[in-house]
N, C-alpha and C. Protein backbone atom coordinates (compact mmCIF):
# COMPACT_ATOMS: atom_id res chain seq x y z
N MET A 1 41.41 -101.74 -7.74
CA MET A 1 41.15 -101.64 -6.31
C MET A 1 41.32 -102.97 -5.56
N PRO A 2 40.97 -104.10 -6.15
CA PRO A 2 41.14 -105.36 -5.40
C PRO A 2 42.60 -105.60 -5.00
N LEU A 3 43.54 -105.21 -5.87
CA LEU A 3 44.95 -105.39 -5.53
C LEU A 3 45.31 -104.52 -4.32
N GLN A 4 44.83 -103.30 -4.27
CA GLN A 4 45.10 -102.42 -3.14
C GLN A 4 44.51 -102.98 -1.85
N LYS A 5 43.35 -103.61 -1.94
CA LYS A 5 42.76 -104.23 -0.75
C LYS A 5 43.63 -105.37 -0.25
N ARG A 6 44.19 -106.15 -1.16
CA ARG A 6 45.09 -107.26 -0.77
C ARG A 6 46.35 -106.69 -0.12
N ILE A 7 46.90 -105.66 -0.72
CA ILE A 7 48.11 -105.04 -0.16
C ILE A 7 47.81 -104.51 1.24
N ASN A 8 46.66 -103.85 1.39
CA ASN A 8 46.28 -103.32 2.71
C ASN A 8 46.10 -104.44 3.72
N SER A 9 45.53 -105.56 3.30
CA SER A 9 45.32 -106.65 4.26
C SER A 9 46.65 -107.18 4.78
N PHE A 10 47.65 -107.25 3.91
CA PHE A 10 48.98 -107.66 4.37
C PHE A 10 49.59 -106.60 5.28
N ARG A 11 49.40 -105.34 4.93
CA ARG A 11 49.94 -104.26 5.76
C ARG A 11 49.33 -104.30 7.16
N PHE A 12 48.02 -104.52 7.24
CA PHE A 12 47.36 -104.60 8.54
C PHE A 12 47.84 -105.82 9.33
N ALA A 13 48.05 -106.92 8.64
CA ALA A 13 48.55 -108.12 9.31
C ALA A 13 49.95 -107.87 9.89
N PHE A 14 50.80 -107.21 9.12
CA PHE A 14 52.14 -106.90 9.63
C PHE A 14 52.07 -105.93 10.81
N GLN A 15 51.13 -104.98 10.75
CA GLN A 15 50.93 -104.08 11.89
C GLN A 15 50.51 -104.87 13.12
N GLY A 16 49.66 -105.87 12.93
CA GLY A 16 49.26 -106.72 14.04
C GLY A 16 50.44 -107.49 14.62
N MET A 17 51.32 -108.00 13.77
CA MET A 17 52.50 -108.71 14.28
C MET A 17 53.40 -107.77 15.07
N ILE A 18 53.56 -106.56 14.57
CA ILE A 18 54.40 -105.59 15.28
C ILE A 18 53.78 -105.27 16.64
N ASP A 19 52.48 -105.06 16.67
CA ASP A 19 51.79 -104.80 17.94
C ASP A 19 51.96 -105.97 18.90
N LEU A 20 51.82 -107.18 18.38
CA LEU A 20 51.96 -108.38 19.20
C LEU A 20 53.32 -108.41 19.88
N VAL A 21 54.37 -108.19 19.10
CA VAL A 21 55.73 -108.28 19.64
C VAL A 21 56.02 -107.11 20.58
N ARG A 22 55.52 -105.93 20.26
CA ARG A 22 55.79 -104.75 21.09
C ARG A 22 55.06 -104.78 22.43
N THR A 23 53.86 -105.36 22.44
CA THR A 23 53.02 -105.23 23.63
C THR A 23 52.91 -106.50 24.47
N GLN A 24 53.32 -107.63 23.94
CA GLN A 24 53.09 -108.89 24.64
C GLN A 24 54.42 -109.55 25.04
N PRO A 25 54.76 -109.50 26.32
CA PRO A 25 56.02 -110.12 26.76
C PRO A 25 56.09 -111.61 26.42
N ASN A 26 54.96 -112.32 26.50
CA ASN A 26 55.00 -113.75 26.19
C ASN A 26 55.31 -114.00 24.72
N ALA A 27 54.86 -113.11 23.84
CA ALA A 27 55.19 -113.25 22.42
C ALA A 27 56.70 -113.13 22.23
N ARG A 28 57.32 -112.22 22.96
CA ARG A 28 58.79 -112.08 22.85
C ARG A 28 59.49 -113.31 23.40
N ILE A 29 58.95 -113.89 24.46
CA ILE A 29 59.52 -115.14 24.99
C ILE A 29 59.40 -116.25 23.95
N HIS A 30 58.23 -116.35 23.30
CA HIS A 30 58.03 -117.37 22.27
C HIS A 30 58.98 -117.15 21.10
N LEU A 31 59.20 -115.90 20.72
CA LEU A 31 60.13 -115.61 19.63
C LEU A 31 61.56 -115.99 20.02
N ALA A 32 61.94 -115.75 21.25
CA ALA A 32 63.28 -116.14 21.71
C ALA A 32 63.42 -117.66 21.68
N ALA A 33 62.39 -118.37 22.12
CA ALA A 33 62.43 -119.83 22.08
C ALA A 33 62.48 -120.32 20.64
N ALA A 34 61.76 -119.66 19.75
CA ALA A 34 61.78 -120.02 18.33
C ALA A 34 63.18 -119.82 17.76
N ALA A 35 63.81 -118.71 18.11
CA ALA A 35 65.17 -118.45 17.62
C ALA A 35 66.14 -119.52 18.13
N MET A 36 65.99 -119.91 19.38
CA MET A 36 66.86 -120.96 19.92
C MET A 36 66.62 -122.28 19.20
N ALA A 37 65.36 -122.59 18.88
CA ALA A 37 65.05 -123.83 18.16
C ALA A 37 65.66 -123.80 16.76
N VAL A 38 65.58 -122.65 16.10
CA VAL A 38 66.17 -122.54 14.76
C VAL A 38 67.69 -122.68 14.84
N LEU A 39 68.30 -122.03 15.81
CA LEU A 39 69.75 -122.16 15.96
C LEU A 39 70.15 -123.59 16.28
N ALA A 40 69.39 -124.25 17.13
CA ALA A 40 69.67 -125.65 17.44
C ALA A 40 69.49 -126.52 16.20
N GLY A 41 68.47 -126.22 15.41
CA GLY A 41 68.26 -126.97 14.17
C GLY A 41 69.42 -126.80 13.21
N LEU A 42 69.94 -125.60 13.11
CA LEU A 42 71.10 -125.36 12.25
C LEU A 42 72.33 -126.07 12.81
N PHE A 43 72.52 -125.98 14.11
CA PHE A 43 73.69 -126.61 14.73
C PHE A 43 73.67 -128.12 14.55
N PHE A 44 72.52 -128.72 14.78
CA PHE A 44 72.41 -130.18 14.70
C PHE A 44 72.08 -130.68 13.29
N ASP A 45 71.92 -129.76 12.34
CA ASP A 45 71.65 -130.12 10.95
C ASP A 45 70.48 -131.10 10.88
N ILE A 46 69.34 -130.66 11.42
CA ILE A 46 68.17 -131.54 11.48
C ILE A 46 67.63 -131.81 10.07
N SER A 47 66.88 -132.88 9.95
CA SER A 47 66.34 -133.31 8.66
C SER A 47 65.21 -132.39 8.21
N ALA A 48 64.82 -132.55 6.95
CA ALA A 48 63.72 -131.74 6.40
C ALA A 48 62.43 -131.99 7.19
N LEU A 49 62.16 -133.24 7.52
CA LEU A 49 60.94 -133.54 8.29
C LEU A 49 61.00 -132.92 9.69
N GLU A 50 62.17 -132.92 10.30
CA GLU A 50 62.33 -132.28 11.61
C GLU A 50 62.13 -130.77 11.49
N TRP A 51 62.61 -130.18 10.39
CA TRP A 51 62.38 -128.75 10.16
C TRP A 51 60.89 -128.45 10.02
N VAL A 52 60.17 -129.36 9.36
CA VAL A 52 58.72 -129.17 9.23
C VAL A 52 58.08 -129.14 10.62
N ALA A 53 58.46 -130.09 11.47
CA ALA A 53 57.89 -130.16 12.81
C ALA A 53 58.24 -128.90 13.62
N VAL A 54 59.48 -128.46 13.54
CA VAL A 54 59.91 -127.26 14.27
C VAL A 54 59.17 -126.03 13.73
N SER A 55 59.10 -125.91 12.41
CA SER A 55 58.44 -124.75 11.80
C SER A 55 56.95 -124.69 12.15
N LEU A 56 56.28 -125.83 12.07
CA LEU A 56 54.86 -125.86 12.42
C LEU A 56 54.64 -125.57 13.89
N SER A 57 55.53 -126.05 14.74
CA SER A 57 55.41 -125.77 16.17
C SER A 57 55.56 -124.28 16.45
N ILE A 58 56.54 -123.67 15.82
CA ILE A 58 56.76 -122.23 15.99
C ILE A 58 55.53 -121.46 15.50
N ALA A 59 55.06 -121.79 14.30
CA ALA A 59 53.91 -121.09 13.73
C ALA A 59 52.67 -121.26 14.61
N LEU A 60 52.46 -122.48 15.11
CA LEU A 60 51.29 -122.74 15.95
C LEU A 60 51.31 -121.90 17.21
N VAL A 61 52.44 -121.88 17.90
CA VAL A 61 52.52 -121.14 19.16
C VAL A 61 52.34 -119.64 18.92
N LEU A 62 52.99 -119.11 17.90
CA LEU A 62 52.86 -117.68 17.63
C LEU A 62 51.44 -117.32 17.18
N ALA A 63 50.81 -118.19 16.38
CA ALA A 63 49.43 -117.94 15.96
C ALA A 63 48.49 -117.98 17.17
N LEU A 64 48.70 -118.95 18.06
CA LEU A 64 47.85 -119.02 19.25
C LEU A 64 48.06 -117.80 20.14
N GLU A 65 49.29 -117.34 20.25
CA GLU A 65 49.57 -116.13 21.05
C GLU A 65 48.86 -114.93 20.44
N ALA A 66 48.86 -114.84 19.11
CA ALA A 66 48.18 -113.74 18.44
C ALA A 66 46.67 -113.81 18.67
N LEU A 67 46.09 -115.00 18.56
CA LEU A 67 44.66 -115.16 18.81
C LEU A 67 44.31 -114.85 20.27
N ASN A 68 45.17 -115.28 21.18
CA ASN A 68 44.94 -114.98 22.59
C ASN A 68 44.94 -113.47 22.82
N THR A 69 45.89 -112.78 22.21
CA THR A 69 45.97 -111.33 22.37
C THR A 69 44.75 -110.65 21.77
N ALA A 70 44.33 -111.10 20.59
CA ALA A 70 43.14 -110.53 19.96
C ALA A 70 41.91 -110.73 20.84
N LEU A 71 41.78 -111.92 21.42
CA LEU A 71 40.64 -112.18 22.29
C LEU A 71 40.70 -111.31 23.54
N GLU A 72 41.89 -111.12 24.09
CA GLU A 72 42.03 -110.24 25.26
C GLU A 72 41.64 -108.81 24.92
N TYR A 73 42.10 -108.31 23.76
CA TYR A 73 41.72 -106.96 23.34
C TYR A 73 40.21 -106.84 23.21
N LEU A 74 39.60 -107.79 22.53
CA LEU A 74 38.16 -107.75 22.31
C LEU A 74 37.39 -107.86 23.62
N THR A 75 37.84 -108.75 24.50
CA THR A 75 37.18 -108.91 25.80
C THR A 75 37.26 -107.63 26.61
N ASP A 76 38.43 -106.99 26.60
CA ASP A 76 38.57 -105.72 27.32
C ASP A 76 37.67 -104.63 26.74
N LEU A 77 37.46 -104.69 25.44
CA LEU A 77 36.59 -103.70 24.80
C LEU A 77 35.13 -103.89 25.22
N VAL A 78 34.65 -105.12 25.16
CA VAL A 78 33.23 -105.36 25.43
C VAL A 78 32.91 -105.50 26.91
N SER A 79 33.93 -105.77 27.72
CA SER A 79 33.70 -105.93 29.15
C SER A 79 34.83 -105.26 29.94
N PRO A 80 34.86 -103.92 29.94
CA PRO A 80 35.95 -103.22 30.63
C PRO A 80 35.97 -103.46 32.14
N GLU A 81 34.79 -103.69 32.71
CA GLU A 81 34.74 -104.03 34.13
C GLU A 81 34.86 -105.55 34.26
N HIS A 82 35.29 -105.98 35.42
CA HIS A 82 35.48 -107.42 35.62
C HIS A 82 34.15 -108.16 35.50
N HIS A 83 34.19 -109.24 34.73
CA HIS A 83 33.03 -110.13 34.62
C HIS A 83 33.57 -111.55 34.62
N PRO A 84 32.95 -112.46 35.38
CA PRO A 84 33.47 -113.83 35.46
C PRO A 84 33.61 -114.52 34.11
N LEU A 85 32.66 -114.29 33.20
CA LEU A 85 32.75 -114.93 31.89
C LEU A 85 33.87 -114.35 31.04
N ALA A 86 34.12 -113.05 31.19
CA ALA A 86 35.24 -112.44 30.48
C ALA A 86 36.55 -113.05 30.98
N GLY A 87 36.64 -113.24 32.27
CA GLY A 87 37.83 -113.87 32.83
C GLY A 87 38.01 -115.30 32.35
N LYS A 88 36.91 -116.03 32.27
CA LYS A 88 36.98 -117.41 31.77
C LYS A 88 37.41 -117.45 30.31
N ALA A 89 36.90 -116.54 29.50
CA ALA A 89 37.29 -116.49 28.08
C ALA A 89 38.79 -116.25 27.96
N LYS A 90 39.30 -115.31 28.74
CA LYS A 90 40.74 -115.03 28.71
C LYS A 90 41.54 -116.23 29.20
N ASP A 91 41.07 -116.88 30.24
CA ASP A 91 41.78 -118.04 30.78
C ASP A 91 41.84 -119.19 29.78
N VAL A 92 40.74 -119.44 29.09
CA VAL A 92 40.71 -120.53 28.12
C VAL A 92 41.61 -120.20 26.92
N ALA A 93 41.62 -118.96 26.49
CA ALA A 93 42.50 -118.56 25.40
C ALA A 93 43.97 -118.72 25.81
N ALA A 94 44.28 -118.35 27.05
CA ALA A 94 45.65 -118.54 27.55
C ALA A 94 45.98 -120.03 27.63
N ALA A 95 45.01 -120.85 27.99
CA ALA A 95 45.22 -122.29 28.04
C ALA A 95 45.56 -122.83 26.66
N ALA A 96 44.95 -122.28 25.61
CA ALA A 96 45.26 -122.72 24.25
C ALA A 96 46.73 -122.47 23.93
N VAL A 97 47.23 -121.31 24.34
CA VAL A 97 48.65 -121.00 24.12
C VAL A 97 49.52 -121.98 24.90
N LEU A 98 49.14 -122.24 26.14
CA LEU A 98 49.90 -123.16 26.98
C LEU A 98 49.94 -124.56 26.37
N ILE A 99 48.81 -125.03 25.86
CA ILE A 99 48.75 -126.35 25.23
C ILE A 99 49.65 -126.39 24.00
N GLY A 100 49.58 -125.35 23.17
CA GLY A 100 50.44 -125.28 21.99
C GLY A 100 51.91 -125.23 22.35
N ALA A 101 52.25 -124.45 23.37
CA ALA A 101 53.64 -124.34 23.79
C ALA A 101 54.14 -125.66 24.37
N ALA A 102 53.29 -126.37 25.10
CA ALA A 102 53.67 -127.68 25.63
C ALA A 102 53.93 -128.66 24.49
N GLY A 103 53.06 -128.63 23.48
CA GLY A 103 53.28 -129.49 22.31
C GLY A 103 54.57 -129.15 21.59
N ALA A 104 54.87 -127.86 21.48
CA ALA A 104 56.12 -127.43 20.84
C ALA A 104 57.32 -127.89 21.65
N ALA A 105 57.21 -127.78 22.98
CA ALA A 105 58.32 -128.23 23.84
C ALA A 105 58.53 -129.74 23.71
N ILE A 106 57.45 -130.49 23.65
CA ILE A 106 57.58 -131.94 23.47
C ILE A 106 58.21 -132.26 22.13
N THR A 107 57.80 -131.53 21.09
CA THR A 107 58.41 -131.71 19.77
C THR A 107 59.91 -131.43 19.83
N GLY A 108 60.27 -130.36 20.51
CA GLY A 108 61.69 -130.02 20.66
C GLY A 108 62.46 -131.09 21.41
N ILE A 109 61.85 -131.63 22.45
CA ILE A 109 62.50 -132.69 23.22
C ILE A 109 62.72 -133.92 22.35
N ILE A 110 61.70 -134.30 21.60
CA ILE A 110 61.81 -135.48 20.74
C ILE A 110 62.90 -135.29 19.69
N ILE A 111 62.99 -134.10 19.13
CA ILE A 111 63.97 -133.86 18.07
C ILE A 111 65.38 -133.64 18.63
N PHE A 112 65.50 -132.81 19.66
CA PHE A 112 66.83 -132.36 20.06
C PHE A 112 67.47 -133.16 21.19
N LEU A 113 66.70 -133.74 22.08
CA LEU A 113 67.31 -134.45 23.21
C LEU A 113 68.22 -135.59 22.76
N PRO A 114 67.81 -136.43 21.83
CA PRO A 114 68.73 -137.49 21.40
C PRO A 114 70.01 -136.93 20.78
N LYS A 115 69.91 -135.80 20.09
CA LYS A 115 71.08 -135.19 19.46
C LYS A 115 72.01 -134.61 20.53
N ILE A 116 71.43 -134.05 21.58
CA ILE A 116 72.24 -133.51 22.68
C ILE A 116 72.95 -134.65 23.40
N PHE A 117 72.22 -135.74 23.66
CA PHE A 117 72.84 -136.91 24.31
C PHE A 117 73.97 -137.49 23.44
N ALA A 118 73.75 -137.57 22.14
CA ALA A 118 74.78 -138.10 21.23
C ALA A 118 76.01 -137.19 21.23
N LEU A 119 75.79 -135.90 21.31
CA LEU A 119 76.90 -134.95 21.34
C LEU A 119 77.68 -135.08 22.64
N ALA A 120 76.97 -135.33 23.74
CA ALA A 120 77.61 -135.43 25.05
C ALA A 120 78.34 -136.75 25.24
N ALA A 121 77.97 -137.75 24.46
CA ALA A 121 78.57 -139.09 24.61
C ALA A 121 79.95 -139.18 24.02
């Protein structure tokens, strides 16, 4: 039975990822940005350390988006009517995604901008 519980936990996690992508437009935007970063990494043949930074940035933003969505679902469940604290909880969770995305964008700028300039020169 423990093996079946592990298998189920992965199945539920994959269901959560599918729900995230199907229901959250921002998650799809983040996935598109991630795909562009991966394609740019392949095009510019970035180093292993640069791949680590890009991979961690992608994972961080998608994980934060998933946590934000989970918090929104839970907040809507416990507070279906508008409540100022529910709104603040959602706003702070969205801020976490924004902070992560800004960090990912800065990472992308640090890695790719010099390569773009070198290509243009």
